[in-house]
Protein backbone atom coordinates (compact mmCIF):
# COMPACT_ATOMS: atom_id res chain seq x y z
CA MET A 1 91.17 321.96 37.34
CA LYS A 2 92.06 321.58 41.03
CA VAL A 3 95.40 320.13 42.17
CA ARG A 4 94.73 316.96 44.23
CA SER A 5 98.35 316.08 45.09
CA THR A 6 101.98 316.72 44.13
CA GLY A 7 105.03 314.52 43.73
CA GLU A 8 108.29 314.00 41.77
CA LEU A 9 109.26 311.89 38.80
CA GLU A 10 112.80 310.51 38.48
CA VAL A 11 114.33 311.33 35.09
CA MET A 12 116.28 308.38 33.71
CA VAL A 13 118.49 308.08 30.66
CA ASP A 14 118.54 304.73 28.93
CA LYS A 15 122.03 303.18 28.51
CA ARG A 16 121.37 302.75 24.83
CA HIS A 17 121.15 306.53 24.53
CA ILE A 18 124.55 306.90 26.18
CA VAL A 19 126.05 304.47 23.67
CA SER A 20 124.42 306.32 20.78
CA ILE A 21 126.11 309.55 21.91
CA GLY A 22 129.48 308.09 21.01
CA GLU A 23 128.41 306.12 17.97
CA ARG A 24 126.35 308.84 16.28
CA LEU A 25 127.55 312.17 17.62
CA TYR A 26 130.95 312.11 15.90
CA THR A 27 130.88 311.76 12.14
CA GLU A 28 134.43 310.35 11.98
CA SER A 29 135.70 307.80 14.49
CA VAL A 30 139.19 309.32 14.22
CA GLU A 31 137.79 312.37 15.99
CA LEU A 32 137.85 310.46 19.28
CA LEU A 33 141.65 310.88 19.34
CA ARG A 34 141.26 314.62 18.96
CA GLU A 35 138.91 314.67 21.96
CA LEU A 36 141.25 312.61 24.12
CA VAL A 37 144.27 314.79 23.31
CA ASN A 38 142.28 317.94 23.99
CA ASN A 39 141.24 316.50 27.37
CA ALA A 40 144.95 316.12 28.14
CA TYR A 41 145.52 319.76 27.14
CA ASP A 42 142.73 320.84 29.49
CA ALA A 43 144.45 318.84 32.27
CA ASP A 44 147.67 320.90 31.89
CA ALA A 45 149.66 318.15 30.17
CA THR A 46 152.92 319.22 28.55
CA GLU A 47 153.33 315.97 26.62
CA VAL A 48 150.85 313.56 25.08
CA LYS A 49 151.86 310.28 23.47
CA VAL A 50 149.41 308.68 21.06
CA ASP A 51 150.10 305.11 19.89
CA VAL A 52 147.83 303.55 17.30
CA THR A 53 147.93 299.87 16.30
CA PRO A 54 145.25 297.67 14.70
CA ALA A 55 144.53 296.07 18.09
CA LYS A 56 144.87 298.94 20.55
CA ILE A 57 144.98 302.71 20.90
CA THR A 58 146.81 304.34 23.80
CA VAL A 59 146.76 308.02 24.75
CA ARG A 60 149.13 308.83 27.61
CA ASP A 61 149.64 312.29 29.12
CA ASN A 62 151.59 313.86 31.99
CA GLY A 63 148.84 316.22 33.10
CA THR A 64 147.48 316.69 36.60
CA GLY A 65 145.63 313.38 36.60
CA MET A 66 142.42 312.82 38.58
CA ASP A 67 141.61 312.11 42.18
CA MET A 68 138.46 310.27 43.25
CA GLU A 69 136.25 313.32 42.85
CA GLY A 70 137.77 314.02 39.45
CA LEU A 71 136.99 310.48 38.27
CA LYS A 72 133.36 310.87 39.30
CA LEU A 73 133.10 314.11 37.37
CA TYR A 74 134.87 312.54 34.38
CA PHE A 75 132.12 309.95 34.00
CA LEU A 76 129.33 312.38 34.79
CA ILE A 77 127.42 312.79 31.55
CA GLY A 78 127.02 316.39 30.45
CA SER A 79 129.17 317.77 33.27
CA ASP A 80 129.63 321.54 33.07
CA ILE A 81 132.70 321.59 35.30
CA LYS A 82 134.84 322.99 32.45
CA VAL A 83 132.34 325.76 31.79
CA HIS A 84 132.47 326.98 35.39
CA ASN A 85 136.23 326.37 35.63
CA SER A 86 137.24 327.55 32.18
CA LYS A 87 140.93 328.01 33.05
CA SER A 88 143.31 325.18 33.89
CA PRO A 89 144.97 325.49 37.33
CA ARG A 90 148.63 325.17 36.33
CA PHE A 91 149.06 327.04 33.03
CA GLY A 92 145.82 329.01 32.97
CA ARG A 93 144.85 327.45 29.64
CA THR A 94 141.42 328.17 28.23
CA ARG A 95 139.85 324.76 28.36
CA ILE A 96 138.59 323.33 25.09
CA GLY A 97 135.97 320.87 26.37
CA GLN A 98 132.52 322.13 27.28
CA PHE A 99 129.97 319.34 27.29
CA GLY A 100 131.68 316.44 29.05
CA ILE A 101 130.66 313.90 26.43
CA GLY A 102 133.76 313.75 24.27
CA LYS A 103 134.99 310.60 25.97
CA PHE A 104 132.01 308.69 24.59
CA ALA A 105 133.34 309.25 21.10
CA SER A 106 135.53 306.22 21.78
CA LEU A 107 132.44 304.00 21.54
CA ALA A 108 132.32 304.80 17.83
CA ALA A 109 135.42 302.65 17.30
CA ALA A 110 136.14 300.51 20.38
CA SER A 111 134.15 298.32 22.77
CA ARG A 112 136.49 298.66 25.73
CA PHE A 113 137.51 301.98 27.29
CA GLU A 114 140.08 301.86 30.12
CA VAL A 115 141.17 304.86 32.20
CA ILE A 116 144.29 304.74 34.38
CA THR A 117 144.97 307.94 36.31
CA GLN A 118 147.24 309.23 39.06
CA HIS A 119 147.07 312.44 41.08
CA LYS A 120 149.61 312.79 43.89
CA ASP A 121 148.94 309.91 46.31
CA PHE A 122 145.87 308.65 44.48
CA ALA A 123 145.88 306.18 41.56
CA ALA A 124 143.02 304.21 40.08
CA ARG A 125 141.75 302.28 37.05
CA VAL A 126 138.23 302.31 35.63
CA VAL A 127 137.09 299.95 32.87
CA PHE A 128 134.18 300.83 30.64
CA ASP A 129 133.32 297.60 28.77
CA LYS A 130 130.45 298.30 26.43
CA ASP A 131 129.17 294.72 26.24
CA GLU A 132 129.29 294.10 30.00
CA TRP A 133 127.83 297.52 30.79
CA GLU A 134 124.85 297.00 28.49
CA ALA A 135 124.27 293.50 29.86
CA SER A 136 124.25 294.66 33.48
CA GLY A 137 120.67 295.90 33.32
CA LYS A 138 119.85 299.21 34.91
CA THR A 139 122.92 299.49 37.11
CA TRP A 140 125.18 302.44 36.31
CA HIS A 141 128.26 301.29 38.18
CA LEU A 142 131.61 300.77 36.45
CA PRO A 143 134.42 298.45 37.66
CA PHE A 144 136.82 300.50 39.74
CA GLU A 145 140.26 299.68 41.20
CA VAL A 146 142.45 301.72 43.51
CA LEU A 147 146.13 301.25 42.57
CA GLU A 148 149.44 301.80 44.25
CA PRO A 149 150.81 305.15 42.99
CA ASP A 150 153.83 304.93 40.69
CA ARG A 151 156.22 307.61 41.96
CA GLU A 152 158.51 307.33 38.93
CA GLN A 153 155.74 307.78 36.40
CA GLY A 154 154.20 310.77 38.21
CA ASP A 155 150.82 312.36 37.65
CA GLY A 156 148.86 311.90 34.47
CA THR A 157 146.18 309.88 32.71
CA THR A 158 146.35 307.00 30.28
CA ILE A 159 143.42 305.99 28.06
CA ILE A 160 143.52 302.53 26.49
CA LEU A 161 141.02 301.57 23.80
CA SER A 162 140.81 297.91 22.83
CA ARG A 163 138.57 295.62 20.82
CA ILE A 164 138.91 298.07 17.98
CA ARG A 165 136.15 297.79 15.38
CA LYS A 166 137.46 300.28 12.83
CA THR A 167 140.72 300.75 10.96
CA PHE A 168 142.77 303.90 11.61
CA GLN A 169 145.16 305.10 8.92
CA GLN A 170 148.12 307.00 10.36
CA GLU A 171 147.81 309.82 7.81
CA ASP A 172 144.15 310.33 8.79
CA VAL A 173 145.01 310.39 12.49
CA GLU A 174 147.86 312.83 11.88
CA ARG A 175 145.67 315.14 9.80
CA LYS A 176 142.94 315.22 12.44
CA LEU A 177 145.38 315.87 15.28
CA VAL A 178 147.32 318.56 13.41
CA GLU A 179 144.06 320.36 12.61
CA GLY A 180 142.15 319.72 15.81
CA VAL A 181 144.53 320.12 18.76
CA PRO A 182 146.42 323.24 19.92
CA LEU A 183 149.90 322.30 18.72
CA ARG A 184 150.98 325.97 18.74
CA ALA A 185 150.27 326.32 22.44
CA PRO A 186 153.37 326.82 24.63
CA GLU A 187 154.60 323.83 26.62
CA PHE A 188 152.40 321.36 24.77
CA THR A 189 153.80 318.58 22.60
CA VAL A 190 152.00 315.66 20.93
CA PHE A 191 153.66 312.50 19.61
CA LEU A 192 152.03 310.05 17.23
CA ASN A 193 153.63 306.59 17.17
CA GLY A 194 156.86 308.12 18.45
CA ARG A 195 157.00 311.05 16.00
CA ARG A 196 156.40 314.62 17.14
CA LEU A 197 153.57 316.43 15.39
CA VAL A 198 154.21 320.00 14.26
CA PRO A 199 151.68 322.68 13.29
CA ARG A 200 150.94 323.02 9.62
CA SER A 201 152.71 325.92 7.92
CA HIS A 202 152.33 327.45 4.48
CA ILE A 203 154.86 329.14 2.21
CA GLY A 204 153.75 332.33 0.57
CA GLN A 205 152.63 335.88 1.22
CA LYS A 206 151.61 335.99 4.89
CA ILE A 207 148.91 338.41 6.00
CA PRO A 208 148.62 338.73 9.80
CA LEU A 209 145.17 339.56 11.12
CA LEU A 210 143.94 341.16 14.31
CA GLU A 211 140.35 342.39 14.26
CA GLY A 212 138.11 343.31 17.15
CA CYS A 213 134.33 343.00 17.41
CA LYS A 214 131.79 343.36 20.19
CA PHE A 215 132.15 339.70 21.16
CA GLY A 216 135.92 339.42 21.19
CA ILE A 217 139.11 339.22 19.12
CA ILE A 218 139.56 337.62 15.70
CA SER A 219 143.20 336.89 15.03
CA GLY A 220 145.36 334.69 12.86
CA GLU A 221 147.15 334.60 9.56
CA ILE A 222 146.05 334.14 5.97
CA VAL A 223 148.61 332.97 3.42
CA ILE A 224 148.50 333.41 -0.35
CA VAL A 225 150.57 330.43 -1.47
CA PRO A 226 152.36 330.29 -4.85
CA GLY A 227 150.41 328.73 -7.67
CA SER A 228 152.84 325.80 -7.78
CA LEU A 229 151.88 324.85 -4.20
CA ALA A 230 148.12 325.31 -4.58
CA SER A 231 145.91 322.27 -4.15
CA MET A 232 142.22 321.86 -4.95
CA THR A 233 141.97 318.95 -2.49
CA ASP A 234 142.59 321.00 0.64
CA LEU A 235 140.51 324.14 0.39
CA GLY A 236 139.53 326.71 2.96
CA ILE A 237 140.73 328.64 5.97
CA GLU A 238 140.89 326.83 9.30
CA VAL A 239 138.68 328.42 11.94
CA LYS A 240 139.92 327.68 15.46
CA VAL A 241 138.30 328.02 18.85
CA LYS A 242 140.61 327.78 21.86
CA GLY A 243 143.47 326.59 19.67
CA ALA A 244 141.60 323.70 18.04
CA THR A 245 140.22 323.73 14.50
CA VAL A 246 136.45 323.37 14.37
CA LYS A 247 136.03 323.51 10.58
CA LYS A 248 137.40 324.93 7.35
CA ASP A 249 135.46 327.62 5.55
CA LEU A 250 135.71 329.37 2.18
CA PHE A 251 133.72 332.45 3.24
CA GLY A 252 132.27 332.90 -0.25
CA MET A 253 135.56 332.30 -2.07
CA GLU A 254 134.10 329.25 -3.81
CA THR A 255 133.05 331.62 -6.63
CA TRP A 256 136.65 332.68 -7.32
CA GLY A 257 137.57 329.69 -9.45
CA LYS A 258 140.94 327.95 -9.17
CA VAL A 259 142.57 330.90 -7.41
CA VAL A 260 140.72 329.86 -4.22
CA SER A 261 143.21 326.99 -3.91
CA ARG A 262 145.93 329.56 -3.12
CA ILE A 263 144.20 330.87 0.02
CA LYS A 264 145.28 329.06 3.20
CA GLY A 265 145.66 329.98 6.83
CA GLU A 266 144.18 329.92 10.32
CA ILE A 267 141.71 332.22 12.07
CA SER A 268 141.06 332.10 15.83
CA ALA A 269 137.83 333.34 17.42
CA ASP A 270 137.43 331.91 20.91
CA PHE A 271 134.04 333.55 21.42
CA LEU A 272 132.31 331.42 18.77
CA PRO A 273 129.79 328.87 20.13
CA VAL A 274 130.38 325.35 18.79
CA THR A 275 128.11 322.35 18.39
CA SER A 276 128.42 319.45 20.83
CA ASP A 277 130.53 317.37 18.42
CA ARG A 278 132.82 320.36 17.71
CA SER A 279 132.37 319.90 13.96
CA ASN A 280 130.54 323.20 13.35
CA PHE A 281 129.40 326.47 14.87
CA VAL A 282 126.02 327.53 16.12
CA THR A 283 125.38 329.40 12.89
CA ASP A 284 122.26 331.30 13.98
CA SER A 285 124.00 332.79 17.01
CA PRO A 286 124.74 336.56 17.07
CA GLU A 287 128.42 335.74 17.71
CA TYR A 288 128.69 333.75 14.50
CA GLN A 289 126.82 336.35 12.45
CA GLU A 290 129.20 339.06 13.70
CA PHE A 291 132.15 336.80 12.87
CA LEU A 292 130.88 336.39 9.30
CA ARG A 293 130.53 340.16 8.95
CA VAL A 294 134.17 340.75 9.98
CA MET A 295 135.42 337.89 7.81
CA GLY A 296 133.56 339.36 4.83
CA LYS A 297 135.65 342.53 5.16
CA ILE A 298 138.87 340.50 5.52
CA ILE A 299 138.13 338.36 2.46
CA GLY A 300 137.37 341.52 0.50
CA ARG A 301 140.87 342.82 1.26
CA ILE A 302 142.39 339.48 0.23
CA LYS A 303 140.53 339.64 -3.08
CA LYS A 304 141.95 343.10 -3.81
CA MET A 305 145.47 341.86 -3.03
CA LEU A 306 145.02 338.94 -5.41
CA GLY A 307 143.83 341.37 -8.08
CA LYS A 308 146.95 343.50 -7.66
CA GLU A 309 149.14 340.41 -7.81
CA ALA A 310 147.40 339.26 -10.98
CA ASN A 311 148.00 342.70 -12.48
CA ARG A 312 151.70 342.51 -11.60
CA GLN A 313 151.97 339.10 -13.24
CA ALA A 314 150.19 340.39 -16.35
CA ASP A 315 152.50 343.42 -16.44
CA ASN A 316 155.60 341.25 -16.17
CA LYS A 317 154.31 338.97 -18.91
CA ALA A 318 153.55 341.93 -21.17
CA GLY A 319 156.95 343.49 -20.52
CA ARG A 320 158.71 340.25 -21.49
CA ALA A 321 156.63 339.96 -24.67
CA VAL A 322 157.47 343.53 -25.73
CA LYS A 323 161.16 343.03 -24.99
CA ASP A 324 161.31 339.86 -27.06
CA ALA A 325 159.35 341.43 -29.91
CA LEU A 326 161.68 344.45 -30.00
CA LYS A 327 164.73 342.21 -30.17
CA ARG A 328 163.25 340.34 -33.11
CA ILE A 329 162.23 343.52 -34.92
CA TYR A 330 165.71 344.94 -34.42
CA LYS A 331 167.10 341.83 -36.14
CA ALA A 332 164.61 342.20 -39.01
CA LEU A 333 165.42 345.90 -39.54
CA ALA A 334 169.14 345.12 -39.53
CA MET A 335 168.50 342.55 -42.27
CA ASN A 336 166.36 344.99 -44.28
CA PRO A 337 167.87 348.49 -43.99
CA ASP A 338 165.67 349.69 -46.86
CA LEU A 339 162.59 349.02 -44.72
CA SER A 340 163.88 350.97 -41.71
CA PRO A 341 162.41 354.43 -41.07
CA PHE A 342 165.44 355.12 -38.84
CA GLY A 343 168.14 354.60 -41.44
CA PRO A 344 170.68 351.74 -41.45
CA ILE A 345 170.74 349.74 -38.19
CA PRO A 346 174.28 349.00 -36.96
CA ILE A 347 175.13 345.36 -36.35
CA GLY A 348 177.62 343.89 -33.91
CA GLU A 349 177.83 346.80 -31.47
CA GLU A 350 177.42 346.31 -27.77
CA GLY A 351 173.78 345.81 -26.91
CA VAL A 352 171.05 343.27 -26.53
CA GLY A 353 170.97 340.34 -28.87
CA GLY A 354 174.30 341.08 -30.55
CA GLY A 355 173.18 344.39 -32.10
CA ALA A 356 173.15 348.00 -31.09
CA ALA A 357 169.75 347.73 -29.46
CA LEU A 358 169.39 349.13 -25.98
CA ILE A 359 166.19 347.98 -24.28
CA ARG A 360 165.34 349.64 -21.02
CA GLY A 361 163.25 347.94 -18.41
CA THR A 362 159.55 348.03 -17.75
CA GLU A 363 158.64 351.26 -16.03
CA LYS A 364 155.69 351.94 -13.78
CA ARG A 365 154.77 355.58 -14.10
CA THR A 366 152.61 358.06 -12.36
CA GLU A 367 150.21 359.97 -14.58
CA LYS A 368 152.81 361.93 -16.54
CA GLU A 369 153.37 362.82 -20.15
CA VAL A 370 155.73 361.03 -22.49
CA GLU A 371 157.45 363.19 -25.12
CA ILE A 372 159.27 361.77 -28.11
CA LYS A 373 161.36 364.23 -30.13
CA PRO A 374 161.73 363.39 -33.82
CA GLY A 375 165.17 362.29 -34.92
CA ASN A 376 166.54 361.46 -31.49
CA ALA A 377 163.65 360.16 -29.44
CA ARG A 378 163.96 360.43 -25.68
CA THR A 379 161.35 359.53 -23.09
CA LYS A 380 161.22 361.88 -20.14
CA PRO A 381 158.70 363.66 -17.92
CA LYS A 382 157.52 366.90 -19.47
CA LYS A 383 156.48 369.92 -17.49
CA PRO A 384 152.99 371.16 -18.37
CA GLU A 385 153.11 373.97 -20.93
CA ARG A 386 150.97 377.03 -20.70
CA LYS A 387 150.19 377.05 -24.41
CA LYS A 388 148.79 374.04 -26.18
CA ARG A 389 150.66 372.84 -29.21
CA LYS A 390 148.58 372.26 -32.30
CA ASN A 391 149.87 368.75 -32.96
CA PRO A 392 151.69 367.66 -29.83
CA LEU A 393 153.44 364.28 -29.98
CA VAL A 394 152.36 363.68 -26.40
CA LYS A 395 149.93 361.22 -24.83
CA LYS A 396 148.77 361.07 -21.23
CA ILE A 397 149.44 357.69 -19.67
CA THR A 398 148.09 356.10 -16.50
CA PRO A 399 150.05 354.86 -13.46
CA SER A 400 149.59 351.31 -14.82
CA ALA A 401 151.35 352.02 -18.12
CA ILE A 402 154.26 349.82 -19.21
CA VAL A 403 156.95 351.65 -21.22
CA ARG A 404 159.81 349.98 -23.09
CA LYS A 405 162.39 351.89 -25.08
CA MET A 406 164.81 350.65 -27.70
CA SER A 407 167.57 352.40 -29.62
CA PHE A 408 167.65 351.97 -33.39
CA GLY A 409 170.92 353.58 -34.38
CA GLU A 410 170.59 357.32 -33.70
CA SER A 411 166.87 357.10 -33.05
CA GLN A 412 164.83 355.57 -30.29
CA VAL A 413 161.40 353.96 -30.26
CA ALA A 414 159.23 353.83 -27.15
CA VAL A 415 156.48 351.24 -26.76
CA CYS A 416 153.73 352.14 -24.31
CA LEU A 417 151.17 349.53 -23.20
CA ASP A 418 148.27 351.24 -21.48
CA PHE A 419 144.50 351.20 -21.09
CA PHE A 420 142.63 353.28 -23.68
CA GLY A 421 139.19 351.66 -23.43
CA ALA A 422 137.63 348.67 -25.18
CA GLY A 423 136.31 350.97 -27.91
CA GLY A 424 139.69 352.57 -28.52
CA PRO A 425 142.12 351.64 -31.32
CA GLU A 426 144.14 348.45 -31.03
CA CYS A 427 147.34 350.45 -31.44
CA PHE A 428 148.49 353.82 -32.78
CA SER A 429 151.63 355.95 -33.05
CA GLU A 430 152.58 359.50 -32.23
CA GLY A 431 156.04 360.31 -33.49
CA ASN A 432 158.34 357.52 -32.39
CA VAL A 433 155.98 356.30 -29.65
CA VAL A 434 153.86 353.20 -30.32
CA TYR A 435 150.81 352.91 -28.07
CA ILE A 436 149.18 349.50 -27.57
CA ASN A 437 145.70 349.33 -26.06
CA ARG A 438 145.46 346.68 -23.31
CA ASP A 439 141.69 347.17 -23.15
CA HIS A 440 141.19 346.10 -26.75
CA PRO A 441 139.34 342.75 -27.06
CA LEU A 442 142.05 341.29 -29.31
CA PHE A 443 144.76 342.20 -26.81
CA GLU A 444 142.79 340.63 -23.95
CA ARG A 445 142.36 337.45 -25.98
CA GLU A 446 145.91 337.17 -27.32
CA SER A 447 147.55 338.01 -23.99
CA GLN A 448 146.17 334.76 -22.59
CA LYS A 449 148.03 332.73 -25.23
CA THR A 450 151.62 332.31 -24.13
CA ALA A 451 152.72 330.72 -27.43
CA THR A 452 151.57 333.61 -29.66
CA TYR A 453 151.70 336.60 -27.29
CA THR A 454 155.09 337.86 -28.52
CA MET A 455 154.10 337.45 -32.16
CA TYR A 456 150.92 339.46 -31.54
CA ILE A 457 152.96 342.32 -30.06
CA GLY A 458 155.40 341.99 -32.96
CA ARG A 459 152.56 342.30 -35.46
CA LEU A 460 151.40 345.56 -33.91
CA LEU A 461 154.91 347.01 -33.71
CA THR A 462 155.86 346.11 -37.27
CA GLN A 463 152.56 347.57 -38.46
CA GLU A 464 153.33 350.93 -36.87
CA ILE A 465 156.99 350.91 -37.94
CA ALA A 466 155.97 350.14 -41.51
CA MET A 467 153.54 353.07 -41.42
CA MET A 468 156.32 355.35 -40.17
CA HIS A 469 158.31 354.49 -43.32
CA GLU A 470 155.44 354.57 -45.79
CA SER A 471 152.28 356.31 -44.68
CA ARG A 472 150.91 357.28 -48.10
CA SER A 473 150.38 353.78 -49.49
CA PRO A 474 148.67 351.26 -47.18
CA ARG A 475 149.47 348.47 -49.65
CA MET A 476 153.17 349.30 -49.58
CA ALA A 477 153.11 349.57 -45.78
CA PHE A 478 151.42 346.17 -45.54
CA ASN A 479 154.06 344.55 -47.73
CA ARG A 480 156.85 346.11 -45.63
CA GLN A 481 155.19 344.86 -42.45
CA SER A 482 154.88 341.33 -43.85
CA GLN A 483 158.59 341.23 -44.70
CA LEU A 484 159.63 342.56 -41.28
CA LEU A 485 157.33 340.14 -39.46
CA LYS A 486 158.59 337.20 -41.50
CA ASP A 487 162.25 338.00 -40.81
CA ALA A 488 161.60 338.86 -37.16
CA PHE A 489 160.10 335.45 -36.35
CA SER A 490 162.02 333.21 -38.72
CA GLU A 491 164.30 330.89 -36.78
């Protein structure tokens, strides 16, 4: 087809579409306050005062303010001025805003939007009244007043929202501001209804992070909080871009169960592209995919640390159960000297629990050998022998083994909790060493029951001690064990 003529078409945007930007773009109306405070940060403000009442919202800053050209750019829809001038002139801050439409978030909650600004010798007020603006037809002009500069007040911008249509709870406003504005930035302070806002902090094991990738730096801190401070209502790690939280993410930790509530912290990745409402990332971007790859490695390390911590807690719990069981068995043997394979147990000497017992602490060992000599058992590292003994009273133990020792008169009993495989025996003895298998299904089940854990350990120990005294008759050994167990746990 031949071209007969050429021309131009003027592209217009209906006013109703501008209104819908504010009313539909932001999922929560409280987010408008985040946008206004971040605008103040971009303008090199050192102090922002936010006052929220049922009738009016005021956001006042001491930034650079705007001159006439700045006001025109402020109300230019979709302005990319912050993209091309990404650093603020005074402090060199990386500007948060990108799209120039955040101000329209105010239309989600208020019908009147008033801007009062001052920059050096210029001061002005612009009123954006939604009802009047929509009724004015196709005109795009806004009421504009040039004011006399206030020398005492100095430069800065004040935003006043009135004819409020939604209710703002102070706790919701505080939460959104604490999460969404760069409170950790130097020389930047935000007040809400006269009270200074401070960055959120967590108590616990702090893990600083600094990872590089081809798009930039990923930095921050992850905190493993104590179980007593964990909360299932506030899950995830805050992901920040240019100091402001965009969203919280679990990075696959939702499959971890309740322990996920102990993972808190903040991660900063300024290279991540965000959506226009700053509520999410552009997830199909190569930057975000690379970020997920790095975070996968970080979360893997966190999971290993949690596993080690869980092991330490289990070890401490097992050590306490063994200690308590040994104390009780000492009492039972003192009451029944005829059942003791160690001879009479002295009572009243210096020791633990009023007897002569000496219980030594839980020991973490490298992979060494434990030797117990009959008659006067001692636990000590043994040098490897060149010749194998036919019936050595020695058992290899792993670095995770827990060893407790207790003196019974002239003899000593060692209790070793270690991993011997799910198919291994529940417990067994070699000389005066009692081995308890932590891999055994019964141990795994009973160790989860705080109320009966000590009694379970006591049952195994009394079983082995009874067999030391009477190994020829299982029936006799069982009766001796029953008596010892009864006296050990009778109150």
